[in-house]
Protein backbone atom coordinates (compact mmCIF):
# COMPACT_ATOMS: atom_id res chain seq x y z
CA UNK A 1 65.94 49.56 101.12
CA UNK A 2 63.22 51.25 103.12
CA UNK A 3 65.11 54.11 104.83
CA UNK A 4 64.36 54.64 108.49
CA UNK A 5 65.74 56.13 111.68
CA UNK A 6 65.94 54.45 115.09
CA UNK A 7 66.32 56.62 118.18
CA UNK A 8 67.31 55.07 121.50
CA UNK A 9 66.13 57.49 124.19
CA UNK A 10 68.40 55.89 126.79
CA UNK A 11 71.47 57.01 124.84
CA UNK A 12 70.50 60.63 124.18
CA UNK A 13 72.42 63.19 126.26
CA UNK A 14 70.48 66.23 125.07
CA UNK A 15 73.43 67.88 123.33
CA UNK A 16 71.23 69.08 120.45
CA UNK A 17 73.93 68.39 117.88
CA UNK A 18 71.19 66.82 115.77
CA UNK A 19 69.17 70.02 115.86
CA UNK A 20 72.16 72.14 114.89
CA UNK A 21 73.06 69.80 112.04
CA UNK A 22 69.47 69.87 110.74
CA UNK A 23 69.42 73.66 110.72
CA UNK A 24 72.67 73.86 108.77
CA UNK A 25 71.91 71.07 106.31
CA UNK A 26 68.51 72.51 105.41
CA UNK A 27 69.48 76.20 105.43
CA UNK A 28 66.97 77.03 108.15
CA UNK A 29 68.79 80.11 109.36
CA UNK A 30 71.27 80.72 112.15
CA UNK A 31 71.28 78.07 114.86
CA UNK A 32 70.64 79.47 118.32
CA UNK A 33 69.78 77.07 121.17
CA UNK A 34 68.00 79.90 122.96
CA UNK A 35 65.59 80.73 120.14
CA UNK A 36 62.19 81.74 121.47
CA UNK A 37 59.33 80.10 119.54
CA UNK A 38 56.47 82.14 118.14
CA UNK A 39 53.32 82.35 120.23
CA UNK A 40 51.61 80.15 117.62
CA UNK A 41 54.10 77.31 118.23
CA UNK A 42 53.20 74.65 120.76
CA UNK A 43 56.37 74.74 122.85
CA UNK A 44 57.95 71.48 121.70
CA UNK A 45 60.86 73.18 119.95
CA UNK A 46 59.57 72.58 116.44
CA UNK A 47 58.83 75.49 114.13
CA UNK A 48 59.09 76.43 110.47
CA UNK A 49 62.84 76.89 111.04
CA UNK A 50 63.37 73.96 113.41
CA UNK A 51 62.47 70.62 111.88
CA UNK A 52 64.12 68.65 114.68
CA UNK A 53 64.00 69.24 118.42
CA UNK A 54 65.03 67.65 121.70
CA UNK A 55 62.34 67.53 124.36
CA UNK A 56 63.60 67.52 127.94
CA UNK A 57 61.80 65.24 130.39
CA UNK A 58 62.34 64.55 134.12
CA UNK A 59 65.33 62.56 135.43
CA UNK A 60 67.67 63.59 132.63
CA UNK A 61 65.66 62.10 129.80
CA UNK A 62 65.93 63.69 126.37
CA UNK A 63 63.69 62.74 123.44
CA UNK A 64 64.13 63.77 119.83
CA UNK A 65 61.04 64.97 118.01
CA UNK A 66 60.76 65.06 114.22
CA UNK A 67 58.49 63.99 111.37
CA UNK A 68 57.78 60.25 111.66
CA UNK A 69 57.53 59.74 107.88
CA UNK A 70 54.55 57.43 108.17
CA UNK A 71 54.35 54.47 105.83
CA UNK A 72 50.86 55.66 104.91
CA UNK A 73 50.93 59.37 105.82
CA UNK A 74 47.71 61.14 106.72
CA UNK A 75 49.20 64.49 105.70
CA UNK A 76 49.61 63.27 102.12
CA UNK A 77 46.06 61.96 101.92
CA UNK A 78 44.70 65.20 103.40
CA UNK A 79 46.47 67.51 100.94
CA UNK A 80 44.00 68.37 98.15
CA UNK A 81 46.69 69.58 95.72
CA UNK A 82 49.49 67.06 96.28
CA UNK A 83 51.91 69.46 97.99
CA UNK A 84 52.68 66.74 100.53
CA UNK A 85 54.19 63.76 98.74
CA UNK A 86 55.32 60.29 99.77
CA UNK A 87 58.50 59.57 97.80
CA UNK A 88 59.13 56.12 96.29
CA UNK A 89 62.07 55.76 98.69
CA UNK A 90 59.94 56.52 101.73
CA UNK A 91 60.51 60.06 103.07
CA UNK A 92 57.54 62.42 103.07
CA UNK A 93 58.44 65.72 101.40
CA UNK A 94 56.69 69.00 100.65
CA UNK A 95 56.41 71.01 97.44
CA UNK A 96 55.62 74.62 98.38
CA UNK A 97 55.23 75.64 94.73
CA UNK A 98 51.79 74.02 94.57
CA UNK A 99 50.68 74.52 98.21
CA UNK A 100 47.50 76.57 98.56
CA UNK A 101 47.95 77.17 102.28
CA UNK A 102 44.92 75.23 103.52
CA UNK A 103 46.93 73.59 106.35
CA UNK A 104 44.88 70.37 106.18
CA UNK A 105 48.18 68.52 106.57
CA UNK A 106 48.70 70.14 109.96
CA UNK A 107 45.26 69.03 111.12
CA UNK A 108 45.67 65.51 109.75
CA UNK A 109 49.09 64.69 111.24
CA UNK A 110 48.66 62.46 114.32
CA UNK A 111 51.99 63.68 115.69
CA UNK A 112 51.46 67.42 115.21
CA UNK A 113 54.58 67.85 113.08
CA UNK A 114 54.03 70.24 110.12
CA UNK A 115 54.50 73.88 111.08
CA UNK A 116 53.39 77.12 109.43
CA UNK A 117 55.55 80.16 108.69
CA UNK A 118 53.40 82.47 110.78
CA UNK A 119 55.82 85.39 110.61
CA UNK A 120 56.33 85.25 106.83
CA UNK A 121 54.64 87.58 104.34
CA UNK A 122 54.28 84.58 102.00
CA UNK A 123 53.85 81.68 104.44
CA UNK A 124 54.32 78.00 103.68
CA UNK A 125 54.23 74.76 105.63
CA UNK A 126 57.55 73.36 106.78
CA UNK A 127 58.79 70.04 108.18
CA UNK A 128 61.56 67.45 108.24
CA UNK A 129 62.24 65.66 104.95
CA UNK A 130 64.58 63.03 106.44
CA UNK A 131 67.28 64.82 104.42
CA UNK A 132 65.83 63.40 101.21
CA UNK A 133 68.27 65.30 98.99
CA UNK A 134 71.21 64.03 101.06
CA UNK A 135 69.93 60.48 100.75
CA UNK A 136 69.71 60.82 96.97
CA UNK A 137 73.34 61.92 97.03
CA UNK A 138 74.32 58.80 98.96
CA UNK A 139 74.56 60.50 102.36
CA UNK A 140 72.75 59.80 105.61
CA UNK A 141 70.47 62.33 107.36
CA UNK A 142 72.43 65.17 108.96
CA UNK A 143 70.89 64.59 112.39
CA UNK A 144 72.09 60.99 112.42
CA UNK A 145 75.56 61.89 111.20
CA UNK A 146 75.94 64.50 113.95
CA UNK A 147 74.90 62.35 116.93
CA UNK A 148 78.00 61.76 119.11
CA UNK A 149 76.37 58.96 121.12
CA UNK A 150 74.78 57.03 118.23
CA UNK A 151 71.49 57.58 120.00
CA UNK A 152 70.08 57.91 116.50
CA UNK A 153 71.01 55.51 113.73
CA UNK A 154 69.97 55.20 110.09
CA UNK A 155 69.33 52.16 107.93
CA UNK A 156 66.77 49.82 106.42
CA UNK A 157 63.53 49.77 108.41
CA UNK A 158 63.39 45.99 108.72
CA UNK A 159 66.98 45.89 109.94
CA UNK A 160 66.36 48.66 112.45
CA UNK A 161 63.28 46.85 113.75
CA UNK A 162 65.45 43.78 114.25
CA UNK A 163 68.05 45.88 116.07
CA UNK A 164 65.39 47.47 118.28
CA UNK A 165 63.96 44.06 119.12
CA UNK A 166 67.46 42.79 119.94
CA UNK A 167 68.02 45.66 122.41
CA UNK A 168 64.71 45.05 124.14
CA UNK A 169 65.45 41.37 124.57
CA UNK A 170 69.05 41.92 125.65
CA UNK A 171 68.11 44.30 128.46
CA UNK A 172 64.39 43.95 129.31
CA UNK A 173 64.78 45.81 132.62
CA UNK A 174 66.17 48.85 130.85
CA UNK A 175 63.49 49.37 128.21
CA UNK A 176 59.73 49.56 127.95
CA UNK A 177 58.86 46.48 125.88
CA UNK A 178 57.60 48.42 122.90
CA UNK A 179 59.04 49.71 119.62
CA UNK A 180 57.37 53.04 119.05
CA UNK A 181 56.46 53.42 115.39
CA UNK A 182 56.41 49.73 114.50
CA UNK A 183 52.62 49.57 114.27
CA UNK A 184 51.19 52.98 115.21
CA UNK A 185 49.00 54.45 112.43
CA UNK A 186 50.16 51.69 110.09
CA UNK A 187 53.84 52.09 110.96
CA UNK A 188 56.37 54.90 110.68
CA UNK A 189 59.90 55.28 109.34
CA UNK A 190 61.14 56.95 112.52
CA UNK A 191 61.28 54.39 115.33
CA UNK A 192 62.00 54.65 119.05
CA UNK A 193 63.00 52.45 121.96
CA UNK A 194 62.80 54.03 125.37
CA UNK A 195 62.77 53.59 129.12
CA UNK A 196 59.97 56.16 129.52
CA UNK A 197 56.54 56.35 127.86
CA UNK A 198 56.55 58.42 124.66
CA UNK A 199 52.84 59.10 124.34
CA UNK A 200 53.55 62.81 124.77
CA UNK A 201 55.01 62.79 121.25
CA UNK A 202 51.56 62.10 119.83
CA UNK A 203 49.15 64.85 118.95
CA UNK A 204 46.28 62.71 120.17
CA UNK A 205 46.16 59.59 122.31
CA UNK A 206 45.78 56.76 121.92
CA UNK A 207 46.91 56.22 118.36
CA UNK A 208 45.28 53.43 116.35
CA UNK A 209 47.32 50.80 114.55
CA UNK A 210 45.26 51.21 111.38
CA UNK A 211 46.59 53.68 108.78
CA UNK A 212 44.86 57.05 109.01
CA UNK A 213 44.43 57.84 105.28
CA UNK A 214 41.33 55.65 105.13
CA UNK A 215 39.70 57.91 107.70
CA UNK A 216 41.14 61.04 106.13
CA UNK A 217 39.73 60.22 102.70
CA UNK A 218 36.28 59.76 104.19
CA UNK A 219 36.42 63.39 105.28
CA UNK A 220 38.27 64.77 102.26
CA UNK A 221 35.78 63.29 99.82
CA UNK A 222 33.15 65.54 101.34
CA UNK A 223 35.20 68.71 100.87
CA UNK A 224 34.15 69.35 97.23
CA UNK A 225 30.49 69.07 98.24
CA UNK A 226 31.05 71.30 101.23
CA UNK A 227 32.86 73.82 99.04
CA UNK A 228 30.02 73.85 96.52
CA UNK A 229 27.48 74.19 99.31
CA UNK A 230 29.36 77.06 100.94
CA UNK A 231 29.72 78.79 97.57
CA UNK A 232 25.99 78.54 96.94
CA UNK A 233 25.22 79.70 100.46
CA UNK A 234 27.60 82.64 100.18
CA UNK A 235 26.15 83.56 96.81
CA UNK A 236 22.63 83.44 98.21
CA UNK A 237 23.53 85.61 101.19
CA UNK A 238 25.28 88.10 98.87
CA UNK A 239 22.21 88.22 96.59
CA UNK A 240 19.85 88.91 99.50
CA UNK A 241 22.08 91.61 100.99
CA UNK A 242 22.72 93.24 97.64
CA UNK A 243 18.97 93.20 96.81
CA UNK A 244 18.11 94.88 100.12
CA UNK A 245 20.78 97.53 99.58
CA UNK A 246 19.52 98.16 96.04
CA UNK A 247 15.93 98.50 97.24
CA UNK A 248 17.06 100.88 99.99
CA UNK A 249 18.88 103.03 97.43
CA UNK A 250 15.83 103.12 95.13
CA UNK A 251 13.58 104.04 98.05
CA UNK A 252 15.92 106.84 99.10
CA UNK A 253 16.09 108.16 95.55
CA UNK A 254 12.30 108.05 95.26
CA UNK A 255 11.85 109.98 98.51
CA UNK A 256 14.41 112.55 97.40
CA UNK A 257 12.60 112.98 94.06
CA UNK A 258 9.29 113.50 95.84
CA UNK A 259 10.78 116.11 98.17
CA UNK A 260 12.23 118.00 95.22
CA UNK A 261 8.88 117.88 93.39
CA UNK A 262 7.12 119.16 96.51
CA UNK A 263 9.36 122.22 96.66
CA UNK A 264 8.34 123.13 93.16
């Protein structure tokens, strides 16, 4: 089984039961619908303590936003220490014990999902794990379990794609003829069908169908060279500045010695 989530935007009523369930299941603090995000957050409801959000759009449309758990995640390929990991089952998880805080994962994600603990003395990156620990225990993700309208369902990705396709064909006037996440950036494990465009969920538009890691690696491979170059440059600048300061000190000492000799 390739675990996945299918969200039908036309069924969401914006109750935020999914958000509340996510907070409780992942021990993200006290759930408060009126929480004010930090100034560093982008206003989509996601934060280090909110891995799931419901974005309100005109005409009573409500759209869930969460990690898409890409089949070939750019965040994983961008992480130089392996803190972001693609599990064998599919969910993309995060190991803060080895994170060095570079935040490359945040820059690499095409959906702008990972968030930083800006207000923490020891900050880490944070994001949805598709309730990986619950799945290993034989349970479904908390957000799916809590949805009273079955706007979000959980299952095998191929089966959910078939279900999404069935809905589009059964009511073509109701839906945009597109399964969001089927092909974008190589495919994702969180899929959508909708009656409104969902491009606003992307960090950048338009998204390619090719997996992003190939592009990410092209950049990441240069990082060691860049690091070495910056180290050498910094060392050179330090040497020049230190030499000038040393010469200035010697000159001052020499002038002081001469003044003292002149007094004698």
